[in-house]
């Protein structure tokens, strides 16, 4: 089931560096953990105008698709990651959205995580 969130601003004083010791240590831990697929959809908040969606709507109407009444354009991302469990993978994906993948001022996101493989 997708988990929908409005992007939250980063905590004050937070750095952009990952909270791990070394790349080698991270790789060793990742090799022992299950792999997860996080499907992330990022969309503009309903109150934000979507000029790209308007352009797509205009194009569809020009092609004869008059039944389309609105278009909102967003982003779809698939993240493959390792985590001890599904809750950990969801938390990591949400943190990535909060820190990089979604703009908290104008976007919201939802995350769906499933075991890969």
Protein backbone atom coordinates (compact mmCIF):
# COMPACT_ATOMS: atom_id res chain seq x y z
CA UNK A 1 0.00 0.00 0.00
CA UNK A 2 1.47 3.38 -0.94
CA UNK A 3 2.42 5.75 1.83
CA UNK A 4 1.74 9.36 0.91
CA UNK A 5 3.70 12.21 2.43
CA UNK A 6 4.14 15.89 1.96
CA UNK A 7 7.86 16.51 1.66
CA UNK A 8 9.23 17.82 4.95
CA UNK A 9 12.04 20.34 5.25
CA UNK A 10 15.36 18.94 6.43
CA UNK A 11 16.21 19.23 10.10
CA UNK A 12 18.26 22.28 11.01
CA UNK A 13 21.95 21.58 10.91
CA UNK A 14 21.57 18.30 9.02
CA UNK A 15 24.36 17.48 6.60
CA UNK A 16 23.98 15.91 3.19
CA UNK A 17 26.56 13.22 4.00
CA UNK A 18 25.27 9.69 4.65
CA UNK A 19 25.40 8.50 8.22
CA UNK A 20 27.72 5.55 7.58
CA UNK A 21 31.29 4.83 8.56
CA UNK A 22 33.05 3.92 5.32
CA UNK A 23 31.95 2.73 1.88
CA UNK A 24 33.57 -0.66 2.53
CA UNK A 25 31.67 -1.11 5.82
CA UNK A 26 28.42 -0.08 4.15
CA UNK A 27 28.96 -2.57 1.30
CA UNK A 28 29.62 -5.41 3.76
CA UNK A 29 26.41 -4.70 5.69
CA UNK A 30 24.38 -4.27 2.49
CA UNK A 31 25.51 -7.68 1.23
CA UNK A 32 23.86 -9.38 4.21
CA UNK A 33 20.54 -7.50 4.04
CA UNK A 34 17.55 -8.12 1.78
CA UNK A 35 17.08 -6.01 -1.34
CA UNK A 36 13.97 -3.83 -1.67
CA UNK A 37 12.37 -1.91 -4.52
CA UNK A 38 10.93 1.47 -3.54
CA UNK A 39 8.54 2.97 -6.07
CA UNK A 40 8.29 6.73 -5.53
CA UNK A 41 5.79 9.10 -7.13
CA UNK A 42 6.43 12.81 -6.71
CA UNK A 43 3.65 15.22 -7.69
CA UNK A 44 2.94 18.88 -7.32
CA UNK A 45 0.71 19.85 -4.41
CA UNK A 46 -2.87 20.53 -5.58
CA UNK A 47 -2.56 24.28 -4.92
CA UNK A 48 0.51 24.60 -7.19
CA UNK A 49 -0.08 25.52 -10.83
CA UNK A 50 1.23 22.95 -13.32
CA UNK A 51 2.24 24.66 -16.58
CA UNK A 52 3.74 21.43 -17.95
CA UNK A 53 0.45 19.65 -17.30
CA UNK A 54 -1.36 22.49 -19.09
CA UNK A 55 0.89 22.09 -22.11
CA UNK A 56 0.23 18.35 -22.22
CA UNK A 57 -3.52 18.97 -21.89
CA UNK A 58 -3.38 21.43 -24.79
CA UNK A 59 -1.48 18.91 -26.92
CA UNK A 60 -3.95 16.15 -26.15
CA UNK A 61 -6.86 18.39 -27.10
CA UNK A 62 -5.10 19.33 -30.36
CA UNK A 63 -4.85 15.61 -31.12
CA UNK A 64 -8.59 15.20 -30.60
CA UNK A 65 -8.69 13.92 -27.02
CA UNK A 66 -11.34 16.37 -25.82
CA UNK A 67 -12.49 14.04 -23.04
CA UNK A 68 -9.32 14.82 -21.03
CA UNK A 69 -10.19 17.60 -18.58
CA UNK A 70 -6.96 17.97 -16.58
CA UNK A 71 -3.35 16.80 -16.61
CA UNK A 72 -0.85 16.92 -13.73
CA UNK A 73 2.76 16.01 -14.48
CA UNK A 74 5.03 14.42 -11.88
CA UNK A 75 8.07 12.18 -11.46
CA UNK A 76 8.28 8.41 -11.00
CA UNK A 77 11.41 6.85 -9.52
CA UNK A 78 12.43 3.29 -8.70
CA UNK A 79 15.06 2.92 -5.99
CA UNK A 80 16.77 -0.39 -5.30
CA UNK A 81 18.13 -0.45 -1.76
CA UNK A 82 19.10 -2.78 1.04
CA UNK A 83 17.58 -2.72 4.50
CA UNK A 84 16.98 -5.14 7.34
CA UNK A 85 13.20 -5.06 6.84
CA UNK A 86 10.42 -3.36 4.88
CA UNK A 87 9.90 -0.68 7.53
CA UNK A 88 13.59 0.25 7.32
CA UNK A 89 13.44 0.43 3.53
CA UNK A 90 10.33 2.64 3.68
CA UNK A 91 11.96 4.93 6.24
CA UNK A 92 15.10 5.24 4.11
CA UNK A 93 13.09 6.01 0.95
CA UNK A 94 11.04 8.65 2.81
CA UNK A 95 14.23 10.25 4.09
CA UNK A 96 15.62 10.36 0.54
CA UNK A 97 12.43 12.08 -0.61
CA UNK A 98 12.57 14.58 2.25
CA UNK A 99 16.21 15.39 1.64
CA UNK A 100 16.57 15.29 -2.16
CA UNK A 101 13.87 13.76 -4.34
CA UNK A 102 10.94 16.06 -3.50
CA UNK A 103 10.73 19.82 -3.02
CA UNK A 104 8.85 20.27 0.28
CA UNK A 105 7.50 23.67 -0.73
CA UNK A 106 5.63 22.58 -3.85
CA UNK A 107 5.62 18.76 -3.99
CA UNK A 108 4.27 15.75 -2.18
CA UNK A 109 5.21 12.09 -2.61
CA UNK A 110 4.12 8.56 -1.94
CA UNK A 111 6.30 5.50 -1.47
CA UNK A 112 5.54 1.83 -2.07
CA UNK A 113 8.16 -0.73 -1.04
CA UNK A 114 8.31 -4.41 -1.93
CA UNK A 115 10.93 -7.12 -1.64
CA UNK A 116 13.01 -7.44 -4.79
CA UNK A 117 13.85 -10.76 -6.35
